[in-house]
Amino acid sequence: MNEWELPVEIALAVFVIVVLPLVWLFVRRRWLTGRGGLFDCSLARGQSHRWALGLARYEANTLQWYPALGVSLRPALTLDRTETTFESQREPDVSEAIQLFSHDVVVTLRSTRPDQSHQLAMTPASLMGLLSWLEAAPPGGLRYPGLE
């Protein structure tokens, strides 16, 4: 065994295990950003209110959510604008606030096709963009039943 083989193998292992995933996360974020309309957005997983940090992006008539530390280029959740309505907004409770970014608000959206609700956490500026995007949907339904 050559005296240089072991250090080269260790360096290669460190590169594959540490550097490559970090580079992939950077490239993935740049790819998502380059496609436009990207903002920080957390998603509540299940009824336990465990929050997953992520990114959301507007793509034509869908809102696509990606986990922040995911490796896939496909969204983990896709909401169609014509099938999604705004239900409510609230401040995060104490147990949620430590899992979210500061100043985030929790928004509940209802998807009519699978008839399920989704809780997203985002900044007030991102919420304003989301509400504008929902309102820009084609006519044919009340978009904000909670704000009557």
N, C-alpha and C. Protein backbone atom coordinates (compact mmCIF):
# COMPACT_ATOMS: atom_id res chain seq x y z
N MET A 1 0.84 -1.18 0.00
CA MET A 1 0.00 0.00 0.00
C MET A 1 0.89 1.24 0.00
N ASN A 2 0.60 2.13 -0.89
CA ASN A 2 1.34 3.39 -1.01
C ASN A 2 1.00 4.29 0.18
N GLU A 3 1.97 5.09 0.62
CA GLU A 3 1.75 5.97 1.78
C GLU A 3 0.74 7.07 1.49
N TRP A 4 0.44 7.35 0.24
CA TRP A 4 -0.51 8.39 -0.13
C TRP A 4 -1.93 7.86 -0.35
N GLU A 5 -2.09 6.57 -0.43
CA GLU A 5 -3.41 6.01 -0.71
C GLU A 5 -4.41 6.28 0.41
N LEU A 6 -4.03 6.05 1.65
CA LEU A 6 -4.95 6.25 2.77
C LEU A 6 -5.40 7.71 2.91
N PRO A 7 -4.48 8.69 2.91
CA PRO A 7 -4.94 10.09 3.00
C PRO A 7 -5.83 10.50 1.81
N VAL A 8 -5.53 10.00 0.63
CA VAL A 8 -6.35 10.32 -0.54
C VAL A 8 -7.73 9.71 -0.39
N GLU A 9 -7.81 8.47 0.11
CA GLU A 9 -9.11 7.82 0.32
C GLU A 9 -9.92 8.55 1.39
N ILE A 10 -9.26 9.00 2.45
CA ILE A 10 -9.94 9.75 3.51
C ILE A 10 -10.45 11.08 2.96
N ALA A 11 -9.62 11.77 2.22
CA ALA A 11 -10.04 13.05 1.63
C ALA A 11 -11.21 12.85 0.67
N LEU A 12 -11.17 11.80 -0.12
CA LEU A 12 -12.26 11.50 -1.04
C LEU A 12 -13.54 11.18 -0.28
N ALA A 13 -13.44 10.43 0.80
CA ALA A 13 -14.61 10.09 1.62
C ALA A 13 -15.21 11.35 2.24
N VAL A 14 -14.36 12.23 2.78
CA VAL A 14 -14.85 13.50 3.35
C VAL A 14 -15.54 14.32 2.28
N PHE A 15 -14.97 14.36 1.10
CA PHE A 15 -15.57 15.12 0.00
C PHE A 15 -16.94 14.57 -0.36
N VAL A 16 -17.05 13.27 -0.48
CA VAL A 16 -18.32 12.64 -0.87
C VAL A 16 -19.37 12.78 0.23
N ILE A 17 -18.96 12.65 1.49
CA ILE A 17 -19.91 12.66 2.60
C ILE A 17 -20.30 14.07 3.02
N VAL A 18 -19.37 15.02 2.97
CA VAL A 18 -19.62 16.36 3.50
C VAL A 18 -19.80 17.40 2.39
N VAL A 19 -18.85 17.51 1.52
CA VAL A 19 -18.83 18.60 0.55
C VAL A 19 -19.89 18.43 -0.53
N LEU A 20 -20.00 17.25 -1.10
CA LEU A 20 -20.97 17.04 -2.18
C LEU A 20 -22.41 17.36 -1.77
N PRO A 21 -22.91 16.90 -0.60
CA PRO A 21 -24.27 17.28 -0.21
C PRO A 21 -24.45 18.78 -0.03
N LEU A 22 -23.44 19.46 0.52
CA LEU A 22 -23.54 20.92 0.67
C LEU A 22 -23.58 21.62 -0.68
N VAL A 23 -22.77 21.16 -1.59
CA VAL A 23 -22.77 21.72 -2.94
C VAL A 23 -24.14 21.48 -3.60
N TRP A 24 -24.68 20.26 -3.42
CA TRP A 24 -25.99 19.95 -4.02
C TRP A 24 -27.08 20.85 -3.45
N LEU A 25 -27.08 21.09 -2.12
CA LEU A 25 -28.08 21.99 -1.53
C LEU A 25 -27.96 23.39 -2.11
N PHE A 26 -26.74 23.87 -2.30
CA PHE A 26 -26.54 25.19 -2.90
C PHE A 26 -27.04 25.22 -4.34
N VAL A 27 -26.68 24.22 -5.12
CA VAL A 27 -27.11 24.16 -6.53
C VAL A 27 -28.63 24.04 -6.62
N ARG A 28 -29.22 23.23 -5.75
CA ARG A 28 -30.67 23.07 -5.74
C ARG A 28 -31.37 24.39 -5.41
N ARG A 29 -30.86 25.10 -4.41
CA ARG A 29 -31.45 26.39 -4.03
C ARG A 29 -31.33 27.39 -5.18
N ARG A 30 -30.18 27.43 -5.83
CA ARG A 30 -29.99 28.33 -6.97
C ARG A 30 -30.94 27.97 -8.11
N TRP A 31 -31.13 26.68 -8.35
CA TRP A 31 -32.03 26.24 -9.41
C TRP A 31 -33.47 26.65 -9.09
N LEU A 32 -33.88 26.46 -7.84
CA LEU A 32 -35.23 26.86 -7.45
C LEU A 32 -35.40 28.37 -7.52
N THR A 33 -34.40 29.11 -7.08
CA THR A 33 -34.46 30.57 -7.12
C THR A 33 -34.50 31.08 -8.55
N GLY A 34 -33.76 30.45 -9.42
CA GLY A 34 -33.71 30.88 -10.82
C GLY A 34 -35.03 30.73 -11.55
N ARG A 35 -35.90 29.88 -11.02
CA ARG A 35 -37.20 29.68 -11.65
C ARG A 35 -38.23 30.68 -11.13
N GLY A 36 -37.86 31.53 -10.16
CA GLY A 36 -38.67 32.65 -9.74
C GLY A 36 -39.68 32.37 -8.63
N GLY A 37 -40.09 33.45 -7.94
CA GLY A 37 -41.15 33.41 -6.95
C GLY A 37 -40.88 32.57 -5.72
N LEU A 38 -39.63 32.47 -5.26
CA LEU A 38 -39.26 31.60 -4.15
C LEU A 38 -39.27 32.39 -2.84
N PHE A 39 -39.82 31.80 -1.78
CA PHE A 39 -39.79 32.43 -0.46
C PHE A 39 -39.73 31.36 0.62
N ASP A 40 -39.21 31.75 1.81
CA ASP A 40 -39.13 30.83 2.94
C ASP A 40 -40.53 30.55 3.45
N CYS A 41 -40.82 29.27 3.67
CA CYS A 41 -42.15 28.87 4.08
C CYS A 41 -42.06 27.52 4.78
N SER A 42 -42.53 27.46 6.01
CA SER A 42 -42.52 26.20 6.76
C SER A 42 -43.87 25.53 6.62
N LEU A 43 -43.88 24.21 6.77
CA LEU A 43 -45.09 23.42 6.62
C LEU A 43 -45.27 22.56 7.86
N ALA A 44 -46.49 22.57 8.43
CA ALA A 44 -46.78 21.72 9.58
C ALA A 44 -47.02 20.31 9.09
N ARG A 45 -46.33 19.38 9.68
CA ARG A 45 -46.46 17.97 9.32
C ARG A 45 -47.42 17.29 10.29
N GLY A 46 -48.55 16.82 9.80
CA GLY A 46 -49.50 16.07 10.62
C GLY A 46 -50.19 16.94 11.66
N GLN A 47 -50.85 16.30 12.60
CA GLN A 47 -51.59 17.01 13.64
C GLN A 47 -50.71 17.43 14.82
N SER A 48 -49.47 16.96 14.85
CA SER A 48 -48.59 17.24 15.99
C SER A 48 -47.97 18.64 15.94
N HIS A 49 -48.20 19.36 14.86
CA HIS A 49 -47.62 20.70 14.67
C HIS A 49 -46.10 20.67 14.69
N ARG A 50 -45.51 19.61 14.16
CA ARG A 50 -44.07 19.58 13.94
C ARG A 50 -43.83 20.30 12.63
N TRP A 51 -43.01 21.32 12.67
CA TRP A 51 -42.79 22.16 11.50
C TRP A 51 -41.55 21.73 10.74
N ALA A 52 -41.68 21.71 9.43
CA ALA A 52 -40.55 21.42 8.55
C ALA A 52 -40.20 22.71 7.82
N LEU A 53 -38.96 23.17 7.98
CA LEU A 53 -38.53 24.37 7.27
C LEU A 53 -38.47 24.07 5.78
N GLY A 54 -38.87 25.03 4.99
CA GLY A 54 -38.86 24.79 3.56
C GLY A 54 -38.92 26.05 2.75
N LEU A 55 -39.13 25.86 1.48
CA LEU A 55 -39.20 26.92 0.49
C LEU A 55 -40.46 26.70 -0.32
N ALA A 56 -41.12 27.77 -0.67
CA ALA A 56 -42.29 27.67 -1.53
C ALA A 56 -42.04 28.52 -2.77
N ARG A 57 -42.68 28.10 -3.86
CA ARG A 57 -42.48 28.80 -5.13
C ARG A 57 -43.79 28.80 -5.90
N TYR A 58 -44.07 29.95 -6.53
CA TYR A 58 -45.21 30.05 -7.42
C TYR A 58 -44.80 29.57 -8.79
N GLU A 59 -45.56 28.66 -9.34
CA GLU A 59 -45.29 28.13 -10.67
C GLU A 59 -46.62 28.11 -11.41
N ALA A 60 -46.83 29.07 -12.30
CA ALA A 60 -48.08 29.19 -13.07
C ALA A 60 -49.27 29.22 -12.10
N ASN A 61 -50.08 28.17 -12.06
CA ASN A 61 -51.25 28.14 -11.19
C ASN A 61 -51.09 27.22 -9.99
N THR A 62 -49.86 26.96 -9.58
CA THR A 62 -49.64 26.12 -8.41
C THR A 62 -48.66 26.78 -7.46
N LEU A 63 -48.82 26.43 -6.20
CA LEU A 63 -47.86 26.78 -5.16
C LEU A 63 -47.15 25.49 -4.81
N GLN A 64 -45.84 25.47 -4.98
CA GLN A 64 -45.06 24.27 -4.75
C GLN A 64 -44.21 24.47 -3.51
N TRP A 65 -44.22 23.46 -2.62
CA TRP A 65 -43.44 23.51 -1.39
C TRP A 65 -42.34 22.46 -1.43
N TYR A 66 -41.12 22.88 -1.09
CA TYR A 66 -39.94 22.02 -1.08
C TYR A 66 -39.33 22.05 0.32
N PRO A 67 -38.93 20.89 0.87
CA PRO A 67 -38.21 20.92 2.14
C PRO A 67 -36.85 21.62 1.97
N ALA A 68 -36.45 22.40 2.95
CA ALA A 68 -35.20 23.16 2.85
C ALA A 68 -33.98 22.26 2.69
N LEU A 69 -33.97 21.14 3.38
CA LEU A 69 -32.82 20.26 3.32
C LEU A 69 -33.07 19.02 2.47
N GLY A 70 -34.05 19.07 1.61
CA GLY A 70 -34.33 17.94 0.73
C GLY A 70 -33.35 17.88 -0.43
N VAL A 71 -33.34 16.76 -1.09
CA VAL A 71 -32.46 16.59 -2.23
C VAL A 71 -33.22 16.55 -3.54
N SER A 72 -34.53 16.37 -3.48
CA SER A 72 -35.33 16.23 -4.68
C SER A 72 -35.60 17.58 -5.33
N LEU A 73 -35.68 17.56 -6.64
CA LEU A 73 -36.07 18.75 -7.39
C LEU A 73 -37.58 18.81 -7.59
N ARG A 74 -38.28 17.81 -7.10
CA ARG A 74 -39.75 17.78 -7.18
C ARG A 74 -40.33 18.29 -5.88
N PRO A 75 -41.43 19.03 -5.96
CA PRO A 75 -42.04 19.55 -4.73
C PRO A 75 -42.65 18.43 -3.88
N ALA A 76 -42.58 18.61 -2.56
CA ALA A 76 -43.20 17.66 -1.65
C ALA A 76 -44.69 17.91 -1.52
N LEU A 77 -45.14 19.13 -1.82
CA LEU A 77 -46.55 19.49 -1.77
C LEU A 77 -46.83 20.47 -2.89
N THR A 78 -47.93 20.26 -3.60
CA THR A 78 -48.35 21.18 -4.66
C THR A 78 -49.80 21.53 -4.42
N LEU A 79 -50.08 22.83 -4.34
CA LEU A 79 -51.45 23.32 -4.17
C LEU A 79 -51.86 24.07 -5.43
N ASP A 80 -52.97 23.66 -6.02
CA ASP A 80 -53.50 24.32 -7.20
C ASP A 80 -54.25 25.58 -6.77
N ARG A 81 -54.00 26.69 -7.45
CA ARG A 81 -54.61 27.97 -7.08
C ARG A 81 -56.14 27.92 -7.16
N THR A 82 -56.67 27.23 -8.16
CA THR A 82 -58.13 27.21 -8.33
C THR A 82 -58.82 26.28 -7.33
N GLU A 83 -58.06 25.45 -6.63
CA GLU A 83 -58.65 24.52 -5.66
C GLU A 83 -58.23 24.83 -4.23
N THR A 84 -57.62 25.99 -4.01
CA THR A 84 -57.10 26.34 -2.69
C THR A 84 -57.77 27.62 -2.21
N THR A 85 -58.21 27.60 -0.95
CA THR A 85 -58.81 28.79 -0.35
C THR A 85 -58.10 29.12 0.96
N PHE A 86 -58.11 30.39 1.28
CA PHE A 86 -57.54 30.88 2.53
C PHE A 86 -58.58 30.66 3.62
N GLU A 87 -58.15 30.04 4.74
CA GLU A 87 -59.07 29.81 5.85
C GLU A 87 -58.85 30.79 6.98
N SER A 88 -57.59 30.88 7.46
CA SER A 88 -57.33 31.74 8.61
C SER A 88 -55.84 32.02 8.73
N GLN A 89 -55.54 32.98 9.60
CA GLN A 89 -54.16 33.26 9.96
C GLN A 89 -54.12 33.50 11.45
N ARG A 90 -52.97 33.19 12.05
CA ARG A 90 -52.81 33.36 13.49
C ARG A 90 -51.33 33.48 13.81
N GLU A 91 -51.05 33.93 15.01
CA GLU A 91 -49.68 33.96 15.52
C GLU A 91 -49.33 32.55 15.99
N PRO A 92 -48.08 32.13 15.84
CA PRO A 92 -47.70 30.80 16.34
C PRO A 92 -47.74 30.76 17.86
N ASP A 93 -48.14 29.59 18.41
CA ASP A 93 -48.10 29.47 19.86
C ASP A 93 -46.65 29.28 20.31
N VAL A 94 -46.44 29.23 21.60
CA VAL A 94 -45.07 29.20 22.16
C VAL A 94 -44.28 28.00 21.65
N SER A 95 -44.90 26.83 21.64
CA SER A 95 -44.18 25.63 21.20
C SER A 95 -43.85 25.68 19.71
N GLU A 96 -44.67 26.36 18.93
CA GLU A 96 -44.41 26.49 17.50
C GLU A 96 -43.37 27.56 17.20
N ALA A 97 -43.36 28.62 17.99
CA ALA A 97 -42.49 29.77 17.72
C ALA A 97 -41.02 29.39 17.74
N ILE A 98 -40.64 28.43 18.56
CA ILE A 98 -39.22 28.04 18.61
C ILE A 98 -38.81 27.22 17.38
N GLN A 99 -39.79 26.69 16.64
CA GLN A 99 -39.49 25.91 15.45
C GLN A 99 -39.50 26.76 14.18
N LEU A 100 -40.00 27.99 14.28
CA LEU A 100 -40.19 28.83 13.10
C LEU A 100 -39.26 30.03 13.12
N PHE A 101 -39.21 30.73 12.00
CA PHE A 101 -38.46 31.97 11.93
C PHE A 101 -39.20 33.04 12.72
N SER A 102 -38.46 34.04 13.20
CA SER A 102 -39.11 35.11 13.95
C SER A 102 -40.05 35.89 13.03
N HIS A 103 -41.12 36.37 13.58
CA HIS A 103 -42.14 37.17 12.89
C HIS A 103 -42.98 36.37 11.90
N ASP A 104 -42.85 35.05 11.87
CA ASP A 104 -43.70 34.26 10.98
C ASP A 104 -45.13 34.24 11.50
N VAL A 105 -46.06 34.18 10.58
CA VAL A 105 -47.47 33.98 10.91
C VAL A 105 -47.88 32.62 10.34
N VAL A 106 -48.83 31.98 11.01
CA VAL A 106 -49.31 30.68 10.59
C VAL A 106 -50.58 30.88 9.79
N VAL A 107 -50.62 30.28 8.62
CA VAL A 107 -51.75 30.41 7.69
C VAL A 107 -52.33 29.03 7.45
N THR A 108 -53.64 28.94 7.46
CA THR A 108 -54.31 27.68 7.12
C THR A 108 -54.96 27.84 5.76
N LEU A 109 -54.60 26.93 4.86
CA LEU A 109 -55.19 26.90 3.52
C LEU A 109 -55.96 25.60 3.38
N ARG A 110 -57.09 25.65 2.69
CA ARG A 110 -57.88 24.45 2.44
C ARG A 110 -57.82 24.12 0.97
N SER A 111 -57.50 22.87 0.69
CA SER A 111 -57.49 22.36 -0.67
C SER A 111 -58.79 21.62 -0.89
N THR A 112 -59.55 21.99 -1.91
CA THR A 112 -60.88 21.43 -2.10
C THR A 112 -60.88 20.06 -2.75
N ARG A 113 -59.91 19.76 -3.58
CA ARG A 113 -59.93 18.47 -4.27
C ARG A 113 -59.74 17.31 -3.29
N PRO A 114 -58.63 17.24 -2.54
CA PRO A 114 -58.55 16.14 -1.59
C PRO A 114 -59.24 16.48 -0.27
N ASP A 115 -59.82 17.68 -0.16
CA ASP A 115 -60.50 18.17 1.03
C ASP A 115 -59.63 18.00 2.28
N GLN A 116 -58.51 18.69 2.27
CA GLN A 116 -57.64 18.70 3.43
C GLN A 116 -57.09 20.10 3.62
N SER A 117 -56.67 20.40 4.86
CA SER A 117 -56.10 21.71 5.12
C SER A 117 -54.60 21.57 5.34
N HIS A 118 -53.91 22.65 5.06
CA HIS A 118 -52.46 22.71 5.21
C HIS A 118 -52.12 23.95 6.00
N GLN A 119 -51.21 23.82 6.96
CA GLN A 119 -50.74 24.98 7.70
C GLN A 119 -49.35 25.34 7.23
N LEU A 120 -49.20 26.60 6.83
CA LEU A 120 -47.93 27.13 6.38
C LEU A 120 -47.55 28.29 7.29
N ALA A 121 -46.27 28.48 7.50
CA ALA A 121 -45.77 29.63 8.28
C ALA A 121 -44.86 30.43 7.38
N MET A 122 -45.10 31.74 7.36
CA MET A 122 -44.33 32.63 6.48
C MET A 122 -44.34 34.04 7.06
N THR A 123 -43.51 34.90 6.48
CA THR A 123 -43.47 36.29 6.91
C THR A 123 -44.74 37.01 6.47
N PRO A 124 -45.09 38.11 7.13
CA PRO A 124 -46.26 38.87 6.69
C PRO A 124 -46.15 39.34 5.23
N ALA A 125 -44.96 39.68 4.77
CA ALA A 125 -44.79 40.10 3.37
C ALA A 125 -45.08 38.94 2.42
N SER A 126 -44.62 37.73 2.78
CA SER A 126 -44.91 36.56 1.95
C SER A 126 -46.39 36.22 1.99
N LEU A 127 -47.04 36.44 3.13
CA LEU A 127 -48.48 36.22 3.24
C LEU A 127 -49.23 37.16 2.31
N MET A 128 -48.79 38.42 2.25
CA MET A 128 -49.43 39.38 1.36
C MET A 128 -49.32 38.90 -0.09
N GLY A 129 -48.14 38.39 -0.46
CA GLY A 129 -47.97 37.85 -1.81
C GLY A 129 -48.85 36.65 -2.06
N LEU A 130 -48.97 35.77 -1.07
CA LEU A 130 -49.83 34.59 -1.21
C LEU A 130 -51.29 34.98 -1.40
N LEU A 131 -51.76 35.92 -0.59
CA LEU A 131 -53.15 36.36 -0.72
C LEU A 131 -53.40 37.02 -2.07
N SER A 132 -52.44 37.80 -2.55
CA SER A 132 -52.57 38.42 -3.88
C SER A 132 -52.59 37.36 -4.96
N TRP A 133 -51.74 36.36 -4.82
CA TRP A 133 -51.69 35.27 -5.80
C TRP A 133 -53.01 34.50 -5.82
N LEU A 134 -53.55 34.21 -4.63
CA LEU A 134 -54.83 33.51 -4.57
C LEU A 134 -55.96 34.34 -5.17
N GLU A 135 -55.94 35.64 -4.91
CA GLU A 135 -56.99 36.50 -5.43
C GLU A 135 -56.90 36.66 -6.93
N ALA A 136 -55.72 36.50 -7.48
CA ALA A 136 -55.55 36.65 -8.93
C ALA A 136 -56.05 35.43 -9.69
N ALA A 137 -56.58 34.45 -8.98
CA ALA A 137 -57.12 33.26 -9.63
C ALA A 137 -58.31 33.64 -10.48
N PRO A 138 -58.63 32.84 -11.47
CA PRO A 138 -59.80 33.12 -12.29
C PRO A 138 -61.07 33.21 -11.44
N PRO A 139 -62.06 33.98 -11.88
CA PRO A 139 -63.28 34.13 -11.10
C PRO A 139 -63.98 32.79 -10.88
N GLY A 140 -64.79 32.77 -9.81
CA GLY A 140 -65.57 31.57 -9.61
C GLY A 140 -65.50 31.01 -8.20
N GLY A 141 -65.37 31.85 -7.23
CA GLY A 141 -65.38 31.33 -5.87
C GLY A 141 -64.87 32.34 -4.88
N LEU A 142 -65.35 32.23 -3.66
CA LEU A 142 -64.90 33.11 -2.59
C LEU A 142 -63.56 32.62 -2.10
N ARG A 143 -62.53 33.44 -2.20
CA ARG A 143 -61.18 33.02 -1.86
C ARG A 143 -60.87 33.16 -0.38
N TYR A 144 -61.61 34.04 0.33
CA TYR A 144 -61.27 34.33 1.72
C TYR A 144 -62.49 34.18 2.63
N PRO A 145 -62.99 32.99 2.86
CA PRO A 145 -64.17 32.85 3.70
C PRO A 145 -63.94 33.30 5.13
N GLY A 146 -62.72 33.26 5.64
CA GLY A 146 -62.44 33.66 7.02
C GLY A 146 -62.36 35.16 7.22
N LEU A 147 -62.35 35.96 6.14
CA LEU A 147 -62.19 37.41 6.26
C LEU A 147 -63.47 38.16 5.92
N GLU A 148 -64.61 37.55 6.05
CA GLU A 148 -65.88 38.20 5.69
C GLU A 148 -66.22 39.33 6.63
